[in-house]
Amino acid sequence: DARAGGSGVLRWDRRGDYPPPERVRVVLHGLGVESAHADGVAATVHGGTVECGPFDELRLAGLRAVNPERSAR
């Protein structure tokens, strides 16, 4: 349940010998976010999409519920 101004944390545990991707895109379906930081570095935010480099911890601030019908227009 997202509330105006809410926050969240995503953790990414990578394993194996594969190199990490250069860029990562996280899409928050039904949520918007005001700002995000990947391991303390500001990430690019566009509505409910966050773009950044690989991370161990992605902190999201200013979460808010969005109406999926409105964003589809």
PDB file of N, CA and C in Angstrom:
ATOM      1  N   ASP A   1       0.847  -1.175   0.000  1.00  0.00           N
ATOM      2  CA  ASP A   1       0.000   0.000   0.000  1.00  0.00           C
ATOM      3  C   ASP A   1       0.896   1.242   0.000  1.00  0.00           C
ATOM      4  N   ALA A   2       1.002   1.920  -1.122  1.00  0.00           N
ATOM      5  CA  ALA A   2       1.860   3.114  -1.228  1.00  0.00           C
ATOM      6  C   ALA A   2       1.106   4.325  -0.731  1.00  0.00           C
ATOM      7  N   ARG A   3       1.792   5.122   0.052  1.00  0.00           N
ATOM      8  CA  ARG A   3       1.214   6.357   0.561  1.00  0.00           C
ATOM      9  C   ARG A   3       2.072   7.515   0.096  1.00  0.00           C
ATOM     10  N   ALA A   4       1.433   8.670  -0.087  1.00  0.00           N
ATOM     11  CA  ALA A   4       2.172   9.855  -0.535  1.00  0.00           C
ATOM     12  C   ALA A   4       3.377  10.084   0.365  1.00  0.00           C
ATOM     13  N   GLY A   5       4.528  10.210  -0.252  1.00  0.00           N
ATOM     14  CA  GLY A   5       5.758  10.448   0.493  1.00  0.00           C
ATOM     15  C   GLY A   5       6.387   9.194   1.051  1.00  0.00           C
ATOM     16  N   GLY A   6       5.795   8.037   0.816  1.00  0.00           N
ATOM     17  CA  GLY A   6       6.335   6.777   1.315  1.00  0.00           C
ATOM     18  C   GLY A   6       7.693   6.469   0.709  1.00  0.00           C
ATOM     19  N   SER A   7       8.354   5.467   1.264  1.00  0.00           N
ATOM     20  CA  SER A   7       9.670   5.083   0.752  1.00  0.00           C
ATOM     21  C   SER A   7       9.754   3.571   0.647  1.00  0.00           C
ATOM     22  N   GLY A   8      10.777   3.113  -0.039  1.00  0.00           N
ATOM     23  CA  GLY A   8      10.994   1.684  -0.197  1.00  0.00           C
ATOM     24  C   GLY A   8      12.450   1.393  -0.492  1.00  0.00           C
ATOM     25  N   VAL A   9      12.835   0.144  -0.291  1.00  0.00           N
ATOM     26  CA  VAL A   9      14.206  -0.288  -0.550  1.00  0.00           C
ATOM     27  C   VAL A   9      14.161  -1.592  -1.336  1.00  0.00           C
ATOM     28  N   LEU A  10      14.921  -1.646  -2.420  1.00  0.00           N
ATOM     29  CA  LEU A  10      15.108  -2.883  -3.186  1.00  0.00           C
ATOM     30  C   LEU A  10      16.548  -3.330  -2.995  1.00  0.00           C
ATOM     31  N   ARG A  11      16.730  -4.601  -2.743  1.00  0.00           N
ATOM     32  CA  ARG A  11      18.084  -5.153  -2.633  1.00  0.00           C
ATOM     33  C   ARG A  11      18.282  -6.156  -3.753  1.00  0.00           C
ATOM     34  N   TRP A  12      19.469  -6.122  -4.355  1.00  0.00           N
ATOM     35  CA  TRP A  12      19.774  -6.999  -5.480  1.00  0.00           C
ATOM     36  C   TRP A  12      20.983  -7.833  -5.098  1.00  0.00           C
ATOM     37  N   ASP A  13      20.793  -9.134  -5.004  1.00  0.00           N
ATOM     38  CA  ASP A  13      21.857 -10.066  -4.662  1.00  0.00           C
ATOM     39  C   ASP A  13      22.261 -10.801  -5.933  1.00  0.00           C
ATOM     40  N   ARG A  14      23.427 -10.447  -6.469  1.00  0.00           N
ATOM     41  CA  ARG A  14      23.904 -11.055  -7.714  1.00  0.00           C
ATOM     42  C   ARG A  14      24.922 -12.145  -7.393  1.00  0.00           C
ATOM     43  N   ARG A  15      24.860 -13.229  -8.160  1.00  0.00           N
ATOM     44  CA  ARG A  15      25.805 -14.328  -7.983  1.00  0.00           C
ATOM     45  C   ARG A  15      26.240 -14.842  -9.342  1.00  0.00           C
ATOM     46  N   GLY A  16      27.398 -15.448  -9.368  1.00  0.00           N
ATOM     47  CA  GLY A  16      27.890 -16.031 -10.604  1.00  0.00           C
ATOM     48  C   GLY A  16      29.022 -15.219 -11.198  1.00  0.00           C
ATOM     49  N   ASP A  17      29.564 -15.723 -12.276  1.00  0.00           N
ATOM     50  CA  ASP A  17      30.727 -15.110 -12.917  1.00  0.00           C
ATOM     51  C   ASP A  17      30.358 -14.131 -14.023  1.00  0.00           C
ATOM     52  N   TYR A  18      29.089 -13.854 -14.184  1.00  0.00           N
ATOM     53  CA  TYR A  18      28.662 -12.950 -15.239  1.00  0.00           C
ATOM     54  C   TYR A  18      28.908 -11.497 -14.819  1.00  0.00           C
ATOM     55  N   PRO A  19      29.391 -10.670 -15.751  1.00  0.00           N
ATOM     56  CA  PRO A  19      29.586  -9.259 -15.404  1.00  0.00           C
ATOM     57  C   PRO A  19      28.222  -8.582 -15.223  1.00  0.00           C
ATOM     58  N   PRO A  20      28.136  -7.591 -14.345  1.00  0.00           N
ATOM     59  CA  PRO A  20      26.864  -6.887 -14.168  1.00  0.00           C
ATOM     60  C   PRO A  20      26.528  -6.071 -15.408  1.00  0.00           C
ATOM     61  N   PRO A  21      25.253  -5.805 -15.649  1.00  0.00           N
ATOM     62  CA  PRO A  21      24.886  -4.975 -16.797  1.00  0.00           C
ATOM     63  C   PRO A  21      25.374  -3.547 -16.591  1.00  0.00           C
ATOM     64  N   GLU A  22      25.551  -2.829 -17.672  1.00  0.00           N
ATOM     65  CA  GLU A  22      25.992  -1.441 -17.594  1.00  0.00           C
ATOM     66  C   GLU A  22      24.906  -0.550 -16.996  1.00  0.00           C
ATOM     67  N   ARG A  23      23.665  -0.765 -17.418  1.00  0.00           N
ATOM     68  CA  ARG A  23      22.521   0.018 -16.941  1.00  0.00           C
ATOM     69  C   ARG A  23      21.418  -0.937 -16.501  1.00  0.00           C
ATOM     70  N   VAL A  24      20.635  -0.498 -15.527  1.00  0.00           N
ATOM     71  CA  VAL A  24      19.505  -1.271 -15.014  1.00  0.00           C
ATOM     72  C   VAL A  24      18.270  -0.384 -15.061  1.00  0.00           C
ATOM     73  N   ARG A  25      17.147  -0.958 -15.446  1.00  0.00           N
ATOM     74  CA  ARG A  25      15.868  -0.230 -15.440  1.00  0.00           C
ATOM     75  C   ARG A  25      14.910  -0.984 -14.522  1.00  0.00           C
ATOM     76  N   VAL A  26      14.409  -0.284 -13.520  1.00  0.00           N
ATOM     77  CA  VAL A  26      13.436  -0.838 -12.586  1.00  0.00           C
ATOM     78  C   VAL A  26      12.103  -0.136 -12.859  1.00  0.00           C
ATOM     79  N   VAL A  27      11.066  -0.903 -13.156  1.00  0.00           N
ATOM     80  CA  VAL A  27       9.749  -0.347 -13.456  1.00  0.00           C
ATOM     81  C   VAL A  27       8.812  -0.675 -12.302  1.00  0.00           C
ATOM     82  N   LEU A  28       8.239   0.369 -11.707  1.00  0.00           N
ATOM     83  CA  LEU A  28       7.310   0.223 -10.585  1.00  0.00           C
ATOM     84  C   LEU A  28       5.889   0.323 -11.136  1.00  0.00           C
ATOM     85  N   HIS A  29       5.245  -0.790 -11.341  1.00  0.00           N
ATOM     86  CA  HIS A  29       3.894  -0.809 -11.909  1.00  0.00           C
ATOM     87  C   HIS A  29       2.902  -0.292 -10.882  1.00  0.00           C
ATOM     88  N   GLY A  30       2.159   0.744 -11.250  1.00  0.00           N
ATOM     89  CA  GLY A  30       1.152   1.313 -10.380  1.00  0.00           C
ATOM     90  C   GLY A  30       1.698   2.280  -9.335  1.00  0.00           C
ATOM     91  N   LEU A  31       2.997   2.570  -9.403  1.00  0.00           N
ATOM     92  CA  LEU A  31       3.621   3.489  -8.454  1.00  0.00           C
ATOM     93  C   LEU A  31       4.434   4.536  -9.191  1.00  0.00           C
ATOM     94  N   GLY A  32       4.464   5.733  -8.635  1.00  0.00           N
ATOM     95  CA  GLY A  32       5.375   6.773  -9.080  1.00  0.00           C
ATOM     96  C   GLY A  32       6.400   6.972  -7.978  1.00  0.00           C
ATOM     97  N   VAL A  33       7.535   7.535  -8.302  1.00  0.00           N
ATOM     98  CA  VAL A  33       8.580   7.780  -7.310  1.00  0.00           C
ATOM     99  C   VAL A  33       9.187   9.147  -7.587  1.00  0.00           C
ATOM    100  N   GLU A  34       9.478   9.902  -6.539  1.00  0.00           N
ATOM    101  CA  GLU A  34      10.065  11.230  -6.698  1.00  0.00           C
ATOM    102  C   GLU A  34      11.570  11.175  -6.903  1.00  0.00           C
ATOM    103  N   SER A  35      12.257  10.335  -6.128  1.00  0.00           N
ATOM    104  CA  SER A  35      13.714  10.237  -6.256  1.00  0.00           C
ATOM    105  C   SER A  35      14.173   8.843  -5.866  1.00  0.00           C
ATOM    106  N   ALA A  36      15.376   8.494  -6.332  1.00  0.00           N
ATOM    107  CA  ALA A  36      15.945   7.186  -6.029  1.00  0.00           C
ATOM    108  C   ALA A  36      17.459   7.308  -5.957  1.00  0.00           C
ATOM    109  N   HIS A  37      18.063   6.460  -5.114  1.00  0.00           N
ATOM    110  CA  HIS A  37      19.519   6.425  -4.965  1.00  0.00           C
ATOM    111  C   HIS A  37      19.978   4.971  -4.976  1.00  0.00           C
ATOM    112  N   ALA A  38      20.898   4.660  -5.868  1.00  0.00           N
ATOM    113  CA  ALA A  38      21.477   3.328  -5.974  1.00  0.00           C
ATOM    114  C   ALA A  38      22.835   3.347  -5.284  1.00  0.00           C
ATOM    115  N   ASP A  39      22.923   2.672  -4.146  1.00  0.00           N
ATOM    116  CA  ASP A  39      24.155   2.660  -3.348  1.00  0.00           C
ATOM    117  C   ASP A  39      24.650   4.078  -3.079  1.00  0.00           C
ATOM    118  N   GLY A  40      23.719   4.986  -2.781  1.00  0.00           N
ATOM    119  CA  GLY A  40      24.058   6.359  -2.426  1.00  0.00           C
ATOM    120  C   GLY A  40      24.221   7.318  -3.590  1.00  0.00           C
ATOM    121  N   VAL A  41      24.124   6.822  -4.824  1.00  0.00           N
ATOM    122  CA  VAL A  41      24.274   7.658  -6.018  1.00  0.00           C
ATOM    123  C   VAL A  41      22.891   7.933  -6.605  1.00  0.00           C
ATOM    124  N   ALA A  42      22.605   9.202  -6.893  1.00  0.00           N
ATOM    125  CA  ALA A  42      21.302   9.563  -7.450  1.00  0.00           C
ATOM    126  C   ALA A  42      21.045   8.820  -8.754  1.00  0.00           C
ATOM    127  N   ALA A  43      19.831   8.285  -8.884  1.00  0.00           N
ATOM    128  CA  ALA A  43      19.418   7.568 -10.089  1.00  0.00           C
ATOM    129  C   ALA A  43      18.478   8.460 -10.891  1.00  0.00           C
ATOM    130  N   THR A  44      18.319   8.141 -12.173  1.00  0.00           N
ATOM    131  CA  THR A  44      17.398   8.864 -13.041  1.00  0.00           C
ATOM    132  C   THR A  44      15.997   8.314 -12.837  1.00  0.00           C
ATOM    133  N   VAL A  45      15.031   9.211 -12.623  1.00  0.00           N
ATOM    134  CA  VAL A  45      13.648   8.803 -12.368  1.00  0.00           C
ATOM    135  C   VAL A  45      12.731   9.445 -13.399  1.00  0.00           C
ATOM    136  N   HIS A  46      11.857   8.637 -13.994  1.00  0.00           N
ATOM    137  CA  HIS A  46      10.825   9.098 -14.930  1.00  0.00           C
ATOM    138  C   HIS A  46       9.525   8.454 -14.498  1.00  0.00           C
ATOM    139  N   GLY A  47       8.729   9.155 -13.674  1.00  0.00           N
ATOM    140  CA  GLY A  47       7.459   8.597 -13.202  1.00  0.00           C
ATOM    141  C   GLY A  47       7.694   7.371 -12.346  1.00  0.00           C
ATOM    142  N   GLY A  48       7.325   6.207 -12.862  1.00  0.00           N
ATOM    143  CA  GLY A  48       7.504   4.955 -12.141  1.00  0.00           C
ATOM    144  C   GLY A  48       8.663   4.125 -12.641  1.00  0.00           C
ATOM    145  N   THR A  49       9.595   4.746 -13.367  1.00  0.00           N
ATOM    146  CA  THR A  49      10.758   4.032 -13.890  1.00  0.00           C
ATOM    147  C   THR A  49      12.027   4.655 -13.323  1.00  0.00           C
ATOM    148  N   VAL A  50      12.923   3.785 -12.855  1.00  0.00           N
ATOM    149  CA  VAL A  50      14.206   4.216 -12.308  1.00  0.00           C
ATOM    150  C   VAL A  50      15.303   3.597 -13.163  1.00  0.00           C
ATOM    151  N   GLU A  51      16.272   4.410 -13.594  1.00  0.00           N
ATOM    152  CA  GLU A  51      17.413   3.915 -14.369  1.00  0.00           C
ATOM    153  C   GLU A  51      18.692   4.254 -13.627  1.00  0.00           C
ATOM    154  N   CYS A  52      19.580   3.262 -13.535  1.00  0.00           N
ATOM    155  CA  CYS A  52      20.826   3.441 -12.799  1.00  0.00           C
ATOM    156  C   CYS A  52      21.806   2.347 -13.214  1.00  0.00           C
ATOM    157  N   GLY A  53      22.954   2.345 -12.588  1.00  0.00           N
ATOM    158  CA  GLY A  53      23.905   1.262 -12.771  1.00  0.00           C
ATOM    159  C   GLY A  53      23.544   0.117 -11.832  1.00  0.00           C
ATOM    160  N   PRO A  54      24.291  -0.981 -11.874  1.00  0.00           N
ATOM    161  CA  PRO A  54      24.039  -2.093 -10.962  1.00  0.00           C
ATOM    162  C   PRO A  54      24.125  -1.609  -9.508  1.00  0.00           C
ATOM    163  N   PHE A  55      23.372  -2.221  -8.637  1.00  0.00           N
ATOM    164  CA  PHE A  55      23.331  -1.773  -7.251  1.00  0.00           C
ATOM    165  C   PHE A  55      23.187  -2.958  -6.299  1.00  0.00           C
ATOM    166  N   ASP A  56      23.557  -2.713  -5.060  1.00  0.00           N
ATOM    167  CA  ASP A  56      23.248  -3.653  -3.984  1.00  0.00           C
ATOM    168  C   ASP A  56      21.950  -3.224  -3.307  1.00  0.00           C
ATOM    169  N   GLU A  57      21.773  -1.884  -3.195  1.00  0.00           N
ATOM    170  CA  GLU A  57      20.579  -1.354  -2.543  1.00  0.00           C
ATOM    171  C   GLU A  57      20.070  -0.135  -3.292  1.00  0.00           C
ATOM    172  N   LEU A  58      18.806  -0.156  -3.651  1.00  0.00           N
ATOM    173  CA  LEU A  58      18.155   0.955  -4.334  1.00  0.00           C
ATOM    174  C   LEU A  58      17.109   1.533  -3.395  1.00  0.00           C
ATOM    175  N   ARG A  59      17.301   2.784  -2.988  1.00  0.00           N
ATOM    176  CA  ARG A  59      16.365   3.454  -2.072  1.00  0.00           C
ATOM    177  C   ARG A  59      15.438   4.361  -2.877  1.00  0.00           C
ATOM    178  N   LEU A  60      14.141   4.194  -2.660  1.00  0.00           N
ATOM    179  CA  LEU A  60      13.116   4.948  -3.368  1.00  0.00           C
ATOM    180  C   LEU A  60      12.443   5.890  -2.381  1.00  0.00           C
ATOM    181  N   ALA A  61      12.256   7.151  -2.761  1.00  0.00           N
ATOM    182  CA  ALA A  61      11.611   8.133  -1.894  1.00  0.00           C
ATOM    183  C   ALA A  61      10.455   8.790  -2.631  1.00  0.00           C
ATOM    184  N   GLY A  62       9.445   9.191  -1.879  1.00  0.00           N
ATOM    185  CA  GLY A  62       8.295   9.873  -2.469  1.00  0.00           C
ATOM    186  C   GLY A  62       7.424   8.950  -3.286  1.00  0.00           C
ATOM    187  N   LEU A  63       7.232   7.719  -2.830  1.00  0.00           N
ATOM    188  CA  LEU A  63       6.357   6.792  -3.549  1.00  0.00           C
ATOM    189  C   LEU A  63       4.916   7.279  -3.488  1.00  0.00           C
ATOM    190  N   ARG A  64       4.193   7.044  -4.575  1.00  0.00           N
ATOM    191  CA  ARG A  64       2.777   7.399  -4.615  1.00  0.00           C
ATOM    192  C   ARG A  64       2.064   6.466  -5.586  1.00  0.00           C
ATOM    193  N   ALA A  65       0.842   6.143  -5.251  1.00  0.00           N
ATOM    194  CA  ALA A  65       0.028   5.309  -6.136  1.00  0.00           C
ATOM    195  C   ALA A  65      -0.368   6.143  -7.343  1.00  0.00           C
ATOM    196  N   VAL A  66      -0.340   5.526  -8.519  1.00  0.00           N
ATOM    197  CA  VAL A  66      -0.793   6.196  -9.731  1.00  0.00           C
ATOM    198  C   VAL A  66      -1.924   5.392 -10.338  1.00  0.00           C
ATOM    199  N   ASN A  67      -2.791   6.086 -11.029  1.00  0.00           N
ATOM    200  CA  ASN A  67      -3.934   5.447 -11.668  1.00  0.00           C
ATOM    201  C   ASN A  67      -3.470   4.880 -13.007  1.00  0.00           C
ATOM    202  N   PRO A  68      -3.443   3.532 -13.164  1.00  0.00           N
ATOM    203  CA  PRO A  68      -2.944   2.950 -14.424  1.00  0.00           C
ATOM    204  C   PRO A  68      -3.755   3.371 -15.644  1.00  0.00           C
ATOM    205  N   GLU A  69      -5.057   3.660 -15.477  1.00  0.00           N
ATOM    206  CA  GLU A  69      -5.871   4.078 -16.618  1.00  0.00           C
ATOM    207  C   GLU A  69      -5.437   5.453 -17.118  1.00  0.00           C
ATOM    208  N   ARG A  70      -5.056   6.336 -16.210  1.00  0.00           N
ATOM    209  CA  ARG A  70      -4.620   7.687 -16.614  1.00  0.00           C
ATOM    210  C   ARG A  70      -3.275   7.645 -17.316  1.00  0.00           C
ATOM    211  N   SER A  71      -2.346   6.788 -16.824  1.00  0.00           N
ATOM    212  CA  SER A  71      -1.019   6.759 -17.432  1.00  0.00           C
ATOM    213  C   SER A  71      -1.031   6.097 -18.805  1.00  0.00           C
ATOM    214  N   ALA A  72      -2.066   5.331 -19.123  1.00  0.00           N
ATOM    215  CA  ALA A  72      -2.157   4.661 -20.422  1.00  0.00           C
ATOM    216  C   ALA A  72      -2.657   5.605 -21.506  1.00  0.00           C
ATOM    217  N   ARG A  73      -3.172   6.767 -21.113  1.00  0.00           N
ATOM    218  CA  ARG A  73      -3.739   7.700 -22.105  1.00  0.00           C
ATOM    219  C   ARG A  73      -2.695   8.512 -22.777  1.00  0.00           C
TER     220      ARG A  73
END
